[in-house]
Amino acid sequence: MRVTPVTWIMLYLLALPVIGALLGLHAVTALAGVLLGVFLLWGLRMRALLTPGAGPEMCLDTISASHFVEKVRWCMDRLGVPYEEVPNAGVIGVFSTGRTVPRLRVRTGSVVSSIGNSADILRYLWGRYGRIDARSAFLEPGAEALELEARLDGYGVNLQRWVYQNIIPDRELTLQAWGANDPRLPRWQRFVVRIGFPFLRGMIRRAFRLSDRAHQQVLARISEVLQLMEDRLADGRQTLLGGDQISFVDLTLAGLSGLWMQPPNYGGGQAEGVRLTLDSLPEAMLTEREQWLERFPRVVALVERLYRDERDVAQGED
């Protein structure tokens, strides 16, 4: 993957203060350098606006290992719409531009619109395809489905905190999850996460408010949602909403839970370069995982069935 001109200019602007300090540039010269970078960015933006668009209509910016990415990726695969996945070391984007993933970029003519937040992306897909494509029925956002999705998305956030609490002390394990060893990521991103690891680790700890006390609260919240889903399945239903047809709620549960269950086809083939093998995980993390496997067998069975029977189908439709 190549570095885009916009990326080079952003890197130039970020490095300009350091360059100015090292070379002892006059304030007027430094300001001229900033204005040059801003002018070049403006020029690139105008060219993109005035030049007919090229390339895929939809691009999904991702962190390959992200469970929220897997939620959206799976739904798009199942819908069967063409898109290009653009993997990133998302931790860089979060702390440099404030952008999170998944982020869907949609090109309409010369205009490119961005949609963040997994739930908002699914609402866009339903609004666009809901009335014209029968395959989109699983995305229908009924009131019960939206309520369950909101609970599950909160569960997904707590799973992020659970993972980081366990792996962030281990530099190599964290770098693996960030894509530092994934050849699909741009080389400059892999380089930046390695040299910037101490800073990025500190920011993650602060952003997710990681601590032993908070970890116990996170475990309780994860168990609460898993128990809610376990109870819904107690009547023998095959899906969270009942009936035989799966919905985006089922895929949300499966995509998010795949982060800790790690089924063989998690990521639909897109997360192999960042996966953490079970034998590499901390003992405490494995113990908590085993407890969930034992306490919530109906949830585990549903997630395993969806990955076994549905994820391969989704890959085939892509």
Protein backbone atom coordinates (compact mmCIF):
# COMPACT_ATOMS: atom_id res chain seq x y z
CA MET A 1 0.00 0.00 0.00
CA ARG A 2 1.30 3.42 -0.92
CA VAL A 3 1.28 6.58 1.14
CA THR A 4 -1.11 9.12 -0.39
CA PRO A 5 -0.06 12.73 -1.13
CA VAL A 6 -2.42 13.93 1.59
CA THR A 7 -0.66 11.66 4.09
CA TRP A 8 2.75 13.01 3.07
CA ILE A 9 1.56 16.59 3.55
CA MET A 10 0.07 15.76 6.97
CA LEU A 11 3.35 14.16 8.01
CA TYR A 12 5.20 17.23 6.75
CA LEU A 13 2.98 19.55 8.80
CA LEU A 14 3.41 17.37 11.90
CA ALA A 15 7.18 17.34 11.48
CA LEU A 16 7.51 21.05 10.65
CA PRO A 17 7.89 22.26 14.27
CA VAL A 18 10.71 19.77 14.85
CA ILE A 19 12.37 20.70 11.55
CA GLY A 20 12.08 24.38 12.40
CA ALA A 21 13.64 23.89 15.84
CA LEU A 22 16.52 21.79 14.47
CA LEU A 23 17.32 24.23 11.65
CA GLY A 24 16.67 27.36 13.67
CA LEU A 25 14.19 28.70 11.15
CA HIS A 26 12.85 32.21 11.56
CA ALA A 27 9.20 32.46 12.60
CA VAL A 28 8.28 34.00 9.23
CA THR A 29 9.94 31.11 7.38
CA ALA A 30 8.19 28.54 9.57
CA LEU A 31 4.85 30.28 8.96
CA ALA A 32 5.50 30.21 5.22
CA GLY A 33 6.14 26.48 5.49
CA VAL A 34 2.82 25.97 7.25
CA LEU A 35 0.98 28.05 4.66
CA LEU A 36 2.61 26.04 1.89
CA GLY A 37 1.38 22.79 3.43
CA VAL A 38 -2.14 24.18 3.89
CA PHE A 39 -2.18 25.44 0.29
CA LEU A 40 -1.08 22.03 -1.02
CA LEU A 41 -3.80 20.30 1.01
CA TRP A 42 -6.38 22.73 -0.34
CA GLY A 43 -5.17 22.07 -3.88
CA LEU A 44 -5.49 18.31 -3.46
CA ARG A 45 -8.98 18.67 -2.00
CA MET A 46 -10.08 20.90 -4.88
CA ARG A 47 -8.62 18.52 -7.44
CA ALA A 48 -10.56 15.65 -5.86
CA LEU A 49 -13.73 17.75 -5.95
CA LEU A 50 -13.37 18.88 -9.57
CA THR A 51 -12.01 15.66 -11.04
CA PRO A 52 -14.44 12.81 -11.79
CA GLY A 53 -14.12 10.14 -9.11
CA ALA A 54 -12.23 6.95 -9.74
CA GLY A 55 -11.86 3.72 -7.85
CA PRO A 56 -14.39 1.79 -5.75
CA GLU A 57 -17.65 3.45 -4.80
CA MET A 58 -17.32 2.34 -1.17
CA CYS A 59 -14.17 1.99 0.93
CA LEU A 60 -14.20 0.66 4.48
CA ASP A 61 -11.39 1.99 6.64
CA THR A 62 -10.58 -0.66 9.20
CA ILE A 63 -8.39 -2.01 11.93
CA SER A 64 -8.27 -5.61 10.79
CA ALA A 65 -8.65 -7.08 14.28
CA SER A 66 -11.43 -4.73 15.42
CA HIS A 67 -14.66 -6.42 16.51
CA PHE A 68 -16.70 -3.35 15.49
CA VAL A 69 -15.07 -3.62 12.06
CA GLU A 70 -16.02 -7.30 11.94
CA LYS A 71 -19.63 -6.34 12.69
CA VAL A 72 -19.77 -3.97 9.69
CA ARG A 73 -17.56 -6.10 7.44
CA TRP A 74 -19.76 -9.14 7.98
CA CYS A 75 -22.96 -7.21 7.25
CA MET A 76 -21.49 -5.77 4.06
CA ASP A 77 -20.26 -9.19 2.99
CA ARG A 78 -23.68 -10.69 3.62
CA LEU A 79 -25.37 -7.87 1.74
CA GLY A 80 -23.08 -8.65 -1.17
CA VAL A 81 -22.18 -5.07 -2.05
CA PRO A 82 -18.77 -4.35 -3.61
CA TYR A 83 -16.36 -2.44 -1.41
CA GLU A 84 -12.65 -2.12 -0.76
CA GLU A 85 -11.27 -2.64 2.71
CA VAL A 86 -8.44 -0.30 3.65
CA PRO A 87 -6.64 -1.62 6.76
CA ASN A 88 -4.90 0.86 9.05
CA ALA A 89 -3.12 1.00 12.37
CA GLY A 90 -6.17 2.80 13.68
CA VAL A 91 -4.56 3.82 16.95
CA ILE A 92 -2.58 6.41 14.95
CA GLY A 93 -5.69 7.93 13.43
CA VAL A 94 -7.53 8.12 16.73
CA PHE A 95 -4.83 10.17 18.44
CA SER A 96 -3.76 12.26 15.42
CA THR A 97 -7.04 13.12 13.69
CA GLY A 98 -9.71 11.91 16.10
CA ARG A 99 -11.05 9.49 13.49
CA THR A 100 -12.14 6.05 14.62
CA VAL A 101 -12.91 2.92 12.64
CA PRO A 102 -14.87 1.43 11.08
CA ARG A 103 -15.37 4.36 8.74
CA LEU A 104 -17.24 3.96 5.46
CA ARG A 105 -16.26 6.32 2.66
CA VAL A 106 -18.90 6.58 -0.07
CA ARG A 107 -18.11 8.20 -3.40
CA THR A 108 -20.94 9.94 -5.25
CA GLY A 109 -19.55 11.50 -8.39
CA SER A 110 -16.72 13.79 -7.25
CA VAL A 111 -17.89 13.94 -3.65
CA VAL A 112 -16.76 11.49 -0.97
CA SER A 113 -18.83 11.25 2.21
CA SER A 114 -17.65 9.57 5.40
CA ILE A 115 -19.79 7.65 7.87
CA GLY A 116 -18.36 6.59 11.21
CA ASN A 117 -19.78 4.41 14.00
CA SER A 118 -20.83 0.87 13.15
CA ALA A 119 -24.52 1.46 13.93
CA ASP A 120 -24.66 4.52 11.65
CA ILE A 121 -23.04 2.56 8.83
CA LEU A 122 -25.67 -0.17 9.12
CA ARG A 123 -28.45 2.45 9.07
CA TYR A 124 -26.95 3.91 5.89
CA LEU A 125 -26.85 0.47 4.26
CA TRP A 126 -30.48 -0.17 5.20
CA GLY A 127 -31.56 3.25 3.92
CA ARG A 128 -29.77 2.72 0.63
CA TYR A 129 -30.59 -0.92 -0.08
CA GLY A 130 -33.59 -1.70 2.13
CA ARG A 131 -36.25 -1.15 -0.55
CA ILE A 132 -34.38 -2.34 -3.61
CA ASP A 133 -32.50 -5.46 -2.54
CA ALA A 134 -34.18 -8.42 -0.86
CA ARG A 135 -30.84 -9.46 0.63
CA SER A 136 -30.96 -6.42 2.92
CA ALA A 137 -33.92 -7.71 4.99
CA PHE A 138 -31.58 -8.74 7.82
CA LEU A 139 -30.66 -5.05 8.30
CA GLU A 140 -34.21 -3.87 9.09
CA PRO A 141 -33.89 -1.65 12.20
CA GLY A 142 -36.97 -2.47 14.29
CA ALA A 143 -37.30 -0.99 17.79
CA GLU A 144 -36.35 -4.22 19.57
CA ALA A 145 -33.39 -4.76 17.27
CA LEU A 146 -32.07 -1.24 17.85
CA GLU A 147 -32.39 -1.60 21.62
CA LEU A 148 -30.44 -4.85 21.57
CA GLU A 149 -27.81 -3.39 19.26
CA ALA A 150 -27.25 -0.49 21.66
CA ARG A 151 -26.71 -2.93 24.54
CA LEU A 152 -24.36 -5.01 22.45
CA ASP A 153 -22.36 -1.98 21.29
CA GLY A 154 -21.81 -1.08 24.95
CA TYR A 155 -20.64 -4.65 25.47
CA GLY A 156 -18.24 -4.14 22.56
CA VAL A 157 -16.70 -1.06 24.19
CA ASN A 158 -16.17 -2.98 27.42
CA LEU A 159 -14.55 -5.79 25.45
CA GLN A 160 -12.06 -3.24 24.10
CA ARG A 161 -11.21 -2.24 27.66
CA TRP A 162 -10.95 -5.90 28.66
CA VAL A 163 -8.50 -6.67 25.86
CA TYR A 164 -6.30 -3.64 26.53
CA GLN A 165 -6.22 -4.21 30.28
CA ASN A 166 -4.80 -7.66 29.58
CA ILE A 167 -2.45 -7.09 26.66
CA ILE A 168 -1.19 -3.49 27.01
CA PRO A 169 1.65 -4.45 29.44
CA ASP A 170 3.04 -6.75 26.70
CA ARG A 171 4.65 -4.63 23.99
CA GLU A 172 4.90 -7.30 21.29
CA LEU A 173 1.41 -8.63 21.89
CA THR A 174 -0.06 -5.14 21.60
CA LEU A 175 1.97 -4.34 18.48
CA GLN A 176 0.72 -7.54 16.88
CA ALA A 177 -2.89 -6.48 17.54
CA TRP A 178 -2.15 -3.01 16.14
CA GLY A 179 -0.86 -4.50 12.90
CA ALA A 180 2.85 -3.83 13.32
CA ASN A 181 3.57 -7.23 11.72
CA ASP A 182 0.81 -7.12 9.11
CA PRO A 183 2.19 -6.65 5.57
CA ARG A 184 -1.18 -5.26 4.44
CA LEU A 185 -0.61 -2.10 6.47
CA PRO A 186 1.47 0.75 5.04
CA ARG A 187 5.10 0.50 6.12
CA TRP A 188 5.10 3.99 7.58
CA GLN A 189 2.22 3.05 9.90
CA ARG A 190 3.99 -0.09 11.08
CA PHE A 191 7.09 2.02 11.73
CA VAL A 192 5.18 4.73 13.61
CA VAL A 193 3.38 2.32 15.97
CA ARG A 194 6.70 0.72 16.87
CA ILE A 195 8.64 3.88 17.60
CA GLY A 196 5.63 5.59 19.13
CA PHE A 197 4.58 2.65 21.28
CA PRO A 198 5.36 4.19 24.71
CA PHE A 199 3.33 7.31 23.87
CA LEU A 200 0.47 5.36 22.27
CA ARG A 201 0.33 2.93 25.20
CA GLY A 202 0.05 5.83 27.62
CA MET A 203 -2.73 7.38 25.57
CA ILE A 204 -4.63 4.09 25.44
CA ARG A 205 -4.38 3.68 29.20
CA ARG A 206 -5.71 7.19 29.68
CA ALA A 207 -8.45 6.97 27.02
CA PHE A 208 -9.84 3.67 28.33
CA ARG A 209 -9.20 4.53 32.00
CA LEU A 210 -7.46 1.22 32.59
CA SER A 211 -6.95 0.07 36.17
CA ASP A 212 -7.48 -3.06 38.24
CA ARG A 213 -10.57 -1.55 39.85
CA ALA A 214 -12.05 -0.54 36.49
CA HIS A 215 -11.28 -4.00 35.15
CA GLN A 216 -13.61 -5.59 37.68
CA GLN A 217 -16.38 -3.24 36.61
CA VAL A 218 -15.71 -4.11 32.97
CA LEU A 219 -15.95 -7.83 33.70
CA ALA A 220 -19.27 -7.30 35.48
CA ARG A 221 -20.72 -5.29 32.56
CA ILE A 222 -19.58 -7.85 30.00
CA SER A 223 -21.14 -10.67 32.02
CA GLU A 224 -24.36 -8.69 32.43
CA VAL A 225 -24.87 -8.37 28.67
CA LEU A 226 -23.84 -11.95 27.98
CA GLN A 227 -26.35 -13.10 30.60
CA LEU A 228 -29.06 -11.01 28.93
CA MET A 229 -28.35 -12.70 25.61
CA GLU A 230 -28.14 -16.11 27.29
CA ASP A 231 -31.58 -15.57 28.83
CA ARG A 232 -33.10 -14.57 25.49
CA LEU A 233 -31.91 -17.87 24.02
CA ALA A 234 -33.18 -19.94 26.96
CA ASP A 235 -36.55 -20.64 25.28
CA GLY A 236 -34.80 -22.52 22.49
CA ARG A 237 -34.97 -19.78 19.87
CA GLN A 238 -32.35 -19.92 17.15
CA THR A 239 -31.81 -16.17 16.83
CA LEU A 240 -31.87 -13.24 19.25
CA LEU A 241 -35.08 -11.84 17.78
CA GLY A 242 -36.73 -15.24 17.37
CA GLY A 243 -37.64 -16.96 14.12
CA ASP A 244 -35.36 -18.66 11.64
CA GLN A 245 -33.91 -15.61 9.90
CA ILE A 246 -30.78 -14.04 11.31
CA SER A 247 -30.59 -10.27 11.71
CA PHE A 248 -27.87 -7.67 12.08
CA VAL A 249 -28.32 -8.11 15.84
CA ASP A 250 -27.13 -11.72 15.61
CA LEU A 251 -24.18 -10.63 13.48
CA THR A 252 -23.42 -7.87 15.98
CA LEU A 253 -23.29 -10.40 18.82
CA ALA A 254 -21.15 -12.75 16.74
CA GLY A 255 -18.82 -10.06 15.40
CA LEU A 256 -18.21 -8.51 18.81
CA SER A 257 -17.93 -11.82 20.65
CA GLY A 258 -15.49 -13.10 18.05
CA LEU A 259 -12.94 -10.85 19.70
CA TRP A 260 -12.73 -13.12 22.74
CA MET A 261 -13.98 -16.41 21.29
CA GLN A 262 -11.59 -16.19 18.31
CA PRO A 263 -13.36 -18.64 15.96
CA PRO A 264 -11.19 -19.88 13.06
CA ASN A 265 -12.79 -17.59 10.44
CA TYR A 266 -13.01 -14.45 12.54
CA GLY A 267 -12.58 -11.49 10.22
CA GLY A 268 -13.66 -13.35 7.11
CA GLY A 269 -10.03 -13.82 6.13
CA GLN A 270 -9.11 -10.16 6.69
CA ALA A 271 -7.67 -10.43 10.20
CA GLU A 272 -5.04 -13.13 9.82
CA GLY A 273 -2.11 -10.71 10.00
CA VAL A 274 -3.17 -9.32 13.39
CA ARG A 275 -4.69 -12.29 15.19
CA LEU A 276 -3.51 -13.18 18.66
CA THR A 277 -3.05 -16.90 19.16
CA LEU A 278 -4.57 -18.33 22.31
CA ASP A 279 -1.23 -19.64 23.52
CA SER A 280 0.17 -16.09 23.43
CA LEU A 281 -2.49 -14.58 25.70
CA PRO A 282 -1.92 -13.79 29.39
CA GLU A 283 -3.11 -16.45 31.82
CA ALA A 284 -5.64 -14.12 33.46
CA MET A 285 -7.20 -13.38 30.08
CA LEU A 286 -7.50 -17.07 29.24
CA THR A 287 -9.08 -17.75 32.63
CA GLU A 288 -11.75 -15.07 32.11
CA ARG A 289 -12.40 -16.37 28.61
CA GLU A 290 -12.86 -19.92 29.88
CA GLN A 291 -15.33 -18.68 32.49
CA TRP A 292 -17.47 -17.04 29.80
CA LEU A 293 -17.36 -20.16 27.64
CA GLU A 294 -18.66 -22.17 30.59
CA ARG A 295 -21.24 -19.69 31.90
CA PHE A 296 -22.88 -18.74 28.58
CA PRO A 297 -23.16 -21.93 26.50
CA ARG A 298 -26.18 -20.77 24.44
CA VAL A 299 -24.40 -17.59 23.38
CA VAL A 300 -21.28 -19.57 22.54
CA ALA A 301 -23.30 -22.08 20.51
CA LEU A 302 -25.04 -19.29 18.54
CA VAL A 303 -21.79 -17.48 17.77
CA GLU A 304 -20.02 -20.68 16.76
CA ARG A 305 -22.95 -21.67 14.52
CA LEU A 306 -23.02 -18.28 12.83
CA TYR A 307 -19.29 -18.37 12.10
CA ARG A 308 -19.50 -21.96 10.92
CA ASP A 309 -22.63 -21.69 8.75
CA GLU A 310 -22.89 -18.01 7.83
CA ARG A 311 -19.43 -16.46 7.71
CA ASP A 312 -18.29 -18.71 4.86
CA VAL A 313 -21.50 -17.89 2.99
CA ALA A 314 -20.78 -14.18 3.45
CA GLN A 315 -17.27 -14.62 2.07
CA GLY A 316 -18.65 -16.42 -0.94
CA GLU A 317 -21.06 -13.57 -1.68
CA ASP A 318 -18.42 -10.86 -1.55
